[in-house]
Amino acid sequence: MSSSARPPRWTAAEMDAYEQARALLNAVIAAYSGRIGAAPSREAARALREERAPLLAERDSLTADDRERVAEILRRMPELLRSVREGGVGE
């Protein structure tokens, strides 16, 4: 390793956690998108879009440096994903 090489900014575990968090966010966003496409009315679709919007913003702003946010996403997203897939939101 040359003297100019820097140590990695994140550990492999931190990068894995970040990638898992993004994947979970993407899965929840996709579940919402599916529900929006099948919404029975414009009002229902609008409500689902409003619920999905913060997730889009969170995904777009998330970085591997956000260790606490990554951990929180890993804790709460699996349940939200189940709920969205089962139709337990937006109705």
N, C-alpha and C. Protein backbone atom coordinates (compact mmCIF):
# COMPACT_ATOMS: atom_id res chain seq x y z
N MET A 1 0.85 -1.17 0.00
CA MET A 1 0.00 0.00 0.00
C MET A 1 0.90 1.22 0.00
N SER A 2 0.61 2.16 -0.86
CA SER A 2 1.44 3.36 -0.92
C SER A 2 1.12 4.27 0.26
N SER A 3 2.03 5.20 0.52
CA SER A 3 1.83 6.10 1.64
C SER A 3 0.66 7.06 1.42
N SER A 4 0.24 7.24 0.17
CA SER A 4 -0.87 8.14 -0.11
C SER A 4 -2.23 7.44 0.00
N ALA A 5 -2.24 6.11 0.11
CA ALA A 5 -3.50 5.39 0.21
C ALA A 5 -4.13 5.64 1.57
N ARG A 6 -5.41 5.88 1.55
CA ARG A 6 -6.14 6.14 2.79
C ARG A 6 -6.89 4.88 3.20
N PRO A 7 -7.13 4.74 4.48
CA PRO A 7 -7.94 3.60 4.92
C PRO A 7 -9.37 3.80 4.41
N PRO A 8 -10.12 2.72 4.26
CA PRO A 8 -11.49 2.85 3.79
C PRO A 8 -12.31 3.73 4.73
N ARG A 9 -13.23 4.46 4.13
CA ARG A 9 -14.07 5.37 4.92
C ARG A 9 -15.08 4.60 5.77
N TRP A 10 -15.56 3.48 5.26
CA TRP A 10 -16.55 2.67 5.96
C TRP A 10 -16.05 1.23 6.03
N THR A 11 -16.50 0.54 7.05
CA THR A 11 -16.18 -0.88 7.15
C THR A 11 -17.10 -1.65 6.22
N ALA A 12 -16.74 -2.88 5.96
CA ALA A 12 -17.60 -3.73 5.12
C ALA A 12 -18.97 -3.90 5.76
N ALA A 13 -19.02 -4.03 7.08
CA ALA A 13 -20.30 -4.18 7.78
C ALA A 13 -21.16 -2.93 7.64
N GLU A 14 -20.54 -1.76 7.71
CA GLU A 14 -21.28 -0.51 7.55
C GLU A 14 -21.84 -0.38 6.13
N MET A 15 -21.05 -0.76 5.16
CA MET A 15 -21.53 -0.70 3.77
C MET A 15 -22.64 -1.72 3.54
N ASP A 16 -22.51 -2.91 4.11
CA ASP A 16 -23.57 -3.90 3.99
C ASP A 16 -24.87 -3.39 4.60
N ALA A 17 -24.78 -2.79 5.79
CA ALA A 17 -25.97 -2.26 6.45
C ALA A 17 -26.60 -1.16 5.61
N TYR A 18 -25.78 -0.28 5.07
CA TYR A 18 -26.29 0.80 4.21
C TYR A 18 -27.01 0.23 2.99
N GLU A 19 -26.40 -0.74 2.33
CA GLU A 19 -27.01 -1.35 1.15
C GLU A 19 -28.31 -2.06 1.51
N GLN A 20 -28.35 -2.71 2.66
CA GLN A 20 -29.59 -3.36 3.10
C GLN A 20 -30.67 -2.33 3.38
N ALA A 21 -30.29 -1.22 3.99
CA ALA A 21 -31.26 -0.15 4.28
C ALA A 21 -31.83 0.41 2.98
N ARG A 22 -30.98 0.66 2.01
CA ARG A 22 -31.46 1.17 0.70
C ARG A 22 -32.37 0.15 0.03
N ALA A 23 -31.99 -1.12 0.12
CA ALA A 23 -32.82 -2.16 -0.50
C ALA A 23 -34.19 -2.23 0.17
N LEU A 24 -34.23 -2.10 1.49
CA LEU A 24 -35.51 -2.09 2.19
C LEU A 24 -36.34 -0.88 1.80
N LEU A 25 -35.72 0.28 1.76
CA LEU A 25 -36.44 1.48 1.33
C LEU A 25 -36.99 1.29 -0.08
N ASN A 26 -36.18 0.76 -0.98
CA ASN A 26 -36.63 0.52 -2.35
C ASN A 26 -37.80 -0.46 -2.39
N ALA A 27 -37.75 -1.49 -1.56
CA ALA A 27 -38.84 -2.47 -1.53
C ALA A 27 -40.14 -1.84 -1.03
N VAL A 28 -40.05 -1.00 0.00
CA VAL A 28 -41.25 -0.34 0.51
C VAL A 28 -41.79 0.64 -0.53
N ILE A 29 -40.91 1.38 -1.16
CA ILE A 29 -41.32 2.33 -2.20
C ILE A 29 -42.01 1.57 -3.35
N ALA A 30 -41.44 0.45 -3.73
CA ALA A 30 -42.04 -0.36 -4.81
C ALA A 30 -43.40 -0.89 -4.39
N ALA A 31 -43.53 -1.32 -3.14
CA ALA A 31 -44.82 -1.81 -2.65
C ALA A 31 -45.86 -0.70 -2.70
N TYR A 32 -45.47 0.49 -2.27
CA TYR A 32 -46.38 1.64 -2.37
C TYR A 32 -46.75 1.90 -3.83
N SER A 33 -45.78 1.85 -4.71
CA SER A 33 -46.05 2.11 -6.14
C SER A 33 -47.05 1.11 -6.69
N GLY A 34 -46.91 -0.14 -6.30
CA GLY A 34 -47.87 -1.15 -6.73
C GLY A 34 -49.26 -0.86 -6.21
N ARG A 35 -49.34 -0.45 -4.96
CA ARG A 35 -50.64 -0.10 -4.37
C ARG A 35 -51.23 1.13 -5.06
N ILE A 36 -50.38 2.09 -5.40
CA ILE A 36 -50.86 3.30 -6.10
C ILE A 36 -51.46 2.91 -7.44
N GLY A 37 -50.78 2.04 -8.17
CA GLY A 37 -51.28 1.61 -9.47
C GLY A 37 -52.60 0.88 -9.40
N ALA A 38 -52.85 0.23 -8.27
CA ALA A 38 -54.09 -0.54 -8.11
C ALA A 38 -55.12 0.18 -7.25
N ALA A 39 -54.85 1.42 -6.92
CA ALA A 39 -55.76 2.17 -6.04
C ALA A 39 -57.15 2.27 -6.65
N PRO A 40 -58.17 2.15 -5.81
CA PRO A 40 -59.54 2.18 -6.32
C PRO A 40 -60.04 3.58 -6.71
N SER A 41 -59.33 4.60 -6.28
CA SER A 41 -59.76 5.96 -6.60
C SER A 41 -58.55 6.89 -6.65
N ARG A 42 -58.77 8.06 -7.23
CA ARG A 42 -57.70 9.06 -7.26
C ARG A 42 -57.32 9.50 -5.85
N GLU A 43 -58.31 9.60 -4.99
CA GLU A 43 -58.05 10.03 -3.62
C GLU A 43 -57.17 9.01 -2.88
N ALA A 44 -57.47 7.75 -3.09
CA ALA A 44 -56.66 6.70 -2.45
C ALA A 44 -55.24 6.72 -3.00
N ALA A 45 -55.10 6.91 -4.30
CA ALA A 45 -53.77 6.99 -4.92
C ALA A 45 -53.00 8.19 -4.37
N ARG A 46 -53.69 9.31 -4.23
CA ARG A 46 -53.04 10.52 -3.70
C ARG A 46 -52.56 10.28 -2.27
N ALA A 47 -53.39 9.65 -1.46
CA ALA A 47 -53.01 9.38 -0.07
C ALA A 47 -51.78 8.47 -0.02
N LEU A 48 -51.76 7.47 -0.87
CA LEU A 48 -50.61 6.57 -0.91
C LEU A 48 -49.35 7.29 -1.38
N ARG A 49 -49.49 8.18 -2.36
CA ARG A 49 -48.33 8.97 -2.81
C ARG A 49 -47.79 9.83 -1.68
N GLU A 50 -48.69 10.40 -0.89
CA GLU A 50 -48.27 11.23 0.24
C GLU A 50 -47.53 10.40 1.28
N GLU A 51 -47.97 9.17 1.50
CA GLU A 51 -47.28 8.28 2.44
C GLU A 51 -45.92 7.85 1.91
N ARG A 52 -45.83 7.69 0.60
CA ARG A 52 -44.58 7.25 -0.03
C ARG A 52 -43.54 8.36 -0.10
N ALA A 53 -43.97 9.61 -0.22
CA ALA A 53 -43.06 10.74 -0.45
C ALA A 53 -41.91 10.83 0.55
N PRO A 54 -42.16 10.71 1.86
CA PRO A 54 -41.03 10.81 2.79
C PRO A 54 -40.00 9.69 2.61
N LEU A 55 -40.46 8.54 2.15
CA LEU A 55 -39.54 7.42 1.91
C LEU A 55 -38.63 7.72 0.72
N LEU A 56 -39.19 8.34 -0.30
CA LEU A 56 -38.37 8.73 -1.45
C LEU A 56 -37.30 9.73 -1.02
N ALA A 57 -37.70 10.70 -0.21
CA ALA A 57 -36.74 11.71 0.26
C ALA A 57 -35.69 11.07 1.15
N GLU A 58 -36.12 10.15 2.01
CA GLU A 58 -35.16 9.49 2.89
C GLU A 58 -34.15 8.68 2.10
N ARG A 59 -34.63 7.95 1.11
CA ARG A 59 -33.72 7.16 0.27
C ARG A 59 -32.73 8.05 -0.46
N ASP A 60 -33.23 9.16 -0.99
CA ASP A 60 -32.37 10.05 -1.77
C ASP A 60 -31.31 10.75 -0.92
N SER A 61 -31.59 10.95 0.36
CA SER A 61 -30.63 11.66 1.21
C SER A 61 -29.77 10.74 2.05
N LEU A 62 -30.08 9.45 2.08
CA LEU A 62 -29.36 8.51 2.93
C LEU A 62 -27.93 8.30 2.43
N THR A 63 -26.98 8.32 3.35
CA THR A 63 -25.59 7.98 3.03
C THR A 63 -25.08 6.96 4.04
N ALA A 64 -23.99 6.33 3.72
CA ALA A 64 -23.40 5.35 4.64
C ALA A 64 -22.92 6.01 5.92
N ASP A 65 -22.73 7.33 5.90
CA ASP A 65 -22.35 8.06 7.12
C ASP A 65 -23.49 8.15 8.12
N ASP A 66 -24.71 7.97 7.66
CA ASP A 66 -25.89 8.09 8.52
C ASP A 66 -26.14 6.79 9.28
N ARG A 67 -25.22 6.42 10.11
CA ARG A 67 -25.29 5.12 10.78
C ARG A 67 -26.55 4.95 11.62
N GLU A 68 -26.96 6.00 12.33
CA GLU A 68 -28.16 5.89 13.15
C GLU A 68 -29.41 5.75 12.29
N ARG A 69 -29.48 6.51 11.21
CA ARG A 69 -30.63 6.38 10.30
C ARG A 69 -30.65 5.01 9.65
N VAL A 70 -29.49 4.51 9.26
CA VAL A 70 -29.41 3.18 8.65
C VAL A 70 -29.94 2.15 9.64
N ALA A 71 -29.50 2.22 10.88
CA ALA A 71 -29.95 1.27 11.91
C ALA A 71 -31.46 1.38 12.12
N GLU A 72 -31.98 2.59 12.14
CA GLU A 72 -33.42 2.79 12.33
C GLU A 72 -34.21 2.21 11.15
N ILE A 73 -33.73 2.41 9.95
CA ILE A 73 -34.40 1.86 8.77
C ILE A 73 -34.41 0.34 8.84
N LEU A 74 -33.30 -0.24 9.23
CA LEU A 74 -33.22 -1.70 9.34
C LEU A 74 -34.17 -2.23 10.40
N ARG A 75 -34.43 -1.44 11.43
CA ARG A 75 -35.36 -1.85 12.49
C ARG A 75 -36.82 -1.71 12.07
N ARG A 76 -37.17 -0.61 11.41
CA ARG A 76 -38.59 -0.33 11.20
C ARG A 76 -39.13 -0.70 9.81
N MET A 77 -38.29 -0.77 8.82
CA MET A 77 -38.78 -1.01 7.46
C MET A 77 -39.36 -2.40 7.22
N PRO A 78 -38.82 -3.47 7.82
CA PRO A 78 -39.43 -4.78 7.54
C PRO A 78 -40.92 -4.81 7.91
N GLU A 79 -41.28 -4.23 9.04
CA GLU A 79 -42.69 -4.22 9.45
C GLU A 79 -43.51 -3.33 8.51
N LEU A 80 -42.98 -2.17 8.14
CA LEU A 80 -43.70 -1.30 7.21
C LEU A 80 -43.88 -2.00 5.86
N LEU A 81 -42.87 -2.69 5.41
CA LEU A 81 -42.97 -3.42 4.14
C LEU A 81 -44.09 -4.46 4.21
N ARG A 82 -44.14 -5.21 5.30
CA ARG A 82 -45.23 -6.19 5.45
C ARG A 82 -46.59 -5.50 5.43
N SER A 83 -46.69 -4.40 6.15
CA SER A 83 -47.95 -3.68 6.23
C SER A 83 -48.41 -3.16 4.87
N VAL A 84 -47.49 -2.58 4.13
CA VAL A 84 -47.84 -2.05 2.81
C VAL A 84 -48.24 -3.19 1.88
N ARG A 85 -47.49 -4.26 1.90
CA ARG A 85 -47.80 -5.41 1.02
C ARG A 85 -49.15 -6.02 1.36
N GLU A 86 -49.50 -6.02 2.65
CA GLU A 86 -50.77 -6.61 3.08
C GLU A 86 -51.94 -5.64 2.94
N GLY A 87 -51.65 -4.42 2.55
CA GLY A 87 -52.72 -3.45 2.37
C GLY A 87 -53.12 -2.74 3.65
N GLY A 88 -52.25 -2.76 4.66
CA GLY A 88 -52.59 -2.17 5.94
C GLY A 88 -52.32 -0.68 6.04
N VAL A 89 -52.00 -0.04 4.94
CA VAL A 89 -51.75 1.42 4.96
C VAL A 89 -52.55 2.06 3.84
N GLY A 90 -52.80 3.35 3.99
CA GLY A 90 -53.39 4.14 2.92
C GLY A 90 -54.86 3.90 2.66
N GLU A 91 -55.54 3.21 3.57
CA GLU A 91 -56.96 2.96 3.31
C GLU A 91 -57.80 3.48 4.44
